[in-house]
């Protein structure tokens, strides 16, 4: 499993920064992260053909390590999704699931 060497929340640019062992640095903005939440409730909404709501001013408040990824807490109160490292890597390349 590919794991980043460093994970940072940049509140100025409102992006999560991932520093990978290959030297690659990825940034995923907070709105994209919130809209791509992998929790069951957000997946259910996406399966219904609608994108989960993500306010344009949503910010990332906390990052909780979970071994295979991180749990992210957002300013809108949402904190259920656990983002696996592979999923975050895909988001950093502009890919969605």
Protein backbone atom coordinates (compact mmCIF):
# COMPACT_ATOMS: atom_id res chain seq x y z
CA UNK A 1 0.00 0.00 0.00
CA UNK A 2 1.32 3.41 -0.98
CA UNK A 3 1.24 5.77 2.02
CA UNK A 4 2.14 9.46 1.95
CA UNK A 5 5.14 10.61 3.96
CA UNK A 6 3.29 13.76 5.01
CA UNK A 7 -0.32 14.96 5.08
CA UNK A 8 -0.98 18.66 5.66
CA UNK A 9 -4.06 20.82 5.80
CA UNK A 10 -3.41 24.24 4.29
CA UNK A 11 -6.11 26.56 5.59
CA UNK A 12 -4.90 29.46 3.38
CA UNK A 13 -5.26 27.65 0.04
CA UNK A 14 -8.00 25.42 1.51
CA UNK A 15 -6.37 22.23 0.27
CA UNK A 16 -5.12 18.94 1.66
CA UNK A 17 -1.50 18.36 0.65
CA UNK A 18 -0.16 14.82 0.26
CA UNK A 19 3.61 14.26 -0.05
CA UNK A 20 4.23 10.80 -1.56
CA UNK A 21 7.42 8.68 -1.27
CA UNK A 22 8.04 9.21 -5.00
CA UNK A 23 8.49 12.94 -4.38
CA UNK A 24 5.13 13.77 -5.94
CA UNK A 25 3.10 16.41 -4.11
CA UNK A 26 -0.66 16.46 -4.60
CA UNK A 27 -3.17 19.04 -3.47
CA UNK A 28 -6.89 18.36 -3.24
CA UNK A 29 -9.11 21.29 -2.37
CA UNK A 30 -11.51 21.08 0.55
CA UNK A 31 -14.65 21.40 -1.59
CA UNK A 32 -13.57 18.51 -3.82
CA UNK A 33 -12.77 16.37 -0.77
CA UNK A 34 -16.17 17.07 0.79
CA UNK A 35 -18.04 16.39 -2.46
CA UNK A 36 -16.14 13.11 -2.89
CA UNK A 37 -16.83 11.83 0.64
CA UNK A 38 -16.77 8.02 0.59
CA UNK A 39 -19.15 7.48 3.55
CA UNK A 40 -22.24 5.31 3.03
CA UNK A 41 -24.67 8.26 3.11
CA UNK A 42 -22.75 10.21 0.46
CA UNK A 43 -22.32 7.10 -1.70
CA UNK A 44 -26.08 6.51 -1.53
CA UNK A 45 -26.67 10.08 -2.78
CA UNK A 46 -24.20 9.56 -5.66
CA UNK A 47 -25.84 6.24 -6.59
CA UNK A 48 -29.10 8.20 -6.85
CA UNK A 49 -27.46 10.31 -9.56
CA UNK A 50 -26.83 13.42 -7.47
CA UNK A 51 -23.53 14.82 -6.23
CA UNK A 52 -23.35 15.33 -2.44
CA UNK A 53 -23.70 18.98 -1.48
CA UNK A 54 -20.43 20.77 -0.76
CA UNK A 55 -20.70 24.46 0.09
CA UNK A 56 -18.08 26.56 -1.73
CA UNK A 57 -16.77 27.83 1.62
CA UNK A 58 -16.45 24.42 3.33
CA UNK A 59 -13.12 23.89 5.07
CA UNK A 60 -11.28 20.93 6.49
CA UNK A 61 -11.07 21.17 10.28
CA UNK A 62 -9.40 17.92 11.34
CA UNK A 63 -7.46 14.95 9.97
CA UNK A 64 -7.61 11.71 11.96
CA UNK A 65 -5.18 8.92 10.89
CA UNK A 66 -6.85 5.54 10.30
CA UNK A 67 -3.90 3.42 9.13
CA UNK A 68 -5.08 2.78 5.57
CA UNK A 69 -6.22 6.39 5.16
CA UNK A 70 -7.64 9.34 7.08
CA UNK A 71 -10.97 10.42 8.47
CA UNK A 72 -11.68 14.05 7.63
CA UNK A 73 -13.89 16.47 9.58
CA UNK A 74 -15.38 19.44 7.72
CA UNK A 75 -16.76 22.80 8.79
CA UNK A 76 -20.29 21.72 7.78
CA UNK A 77 -20.23 19.10 10.56
CA UNK A 78 -19.64 16.14 8.25
CA UNK A 79 -17.00 13.74 9.61
CA UNK A 80 -18.10 10.22 8.67
CA UNK A 81 -16.01 9.37 5.63
CA UNK A 82 -12.72 7.52 5.80
CA UNK A 83 -10.61 8.36 2.76
CA UNK A 84 -8.24 5.49 1.86
CA UNK A 85 -4.82 6.51 0.55
CA UNK A 86 -5.55 5.09 -2.91
CA UNK A 87 -8.77 7.12 -3.12
CA UNK A 88 -6.98 10.32 -2.10
CA UNK A 89 -4.30 9.63 -4.70
CA UNK A 90 -7.00 9.26 -7.37
CA UNK A 91 -8.68 12.51 -6.24
CA UNK A 92 -5.31 14.26 -6.48
CA UNK A 93 -5.09 13.16 -10.11
CA UNK A 94 -8.61 14.38 -10.82
CA UNK A 95 -10.21 10.92 -10.86
CA UNK A 96 -13.54 10.10 -9.19
CA UNK A 97 -15.03 6.80 -8.18
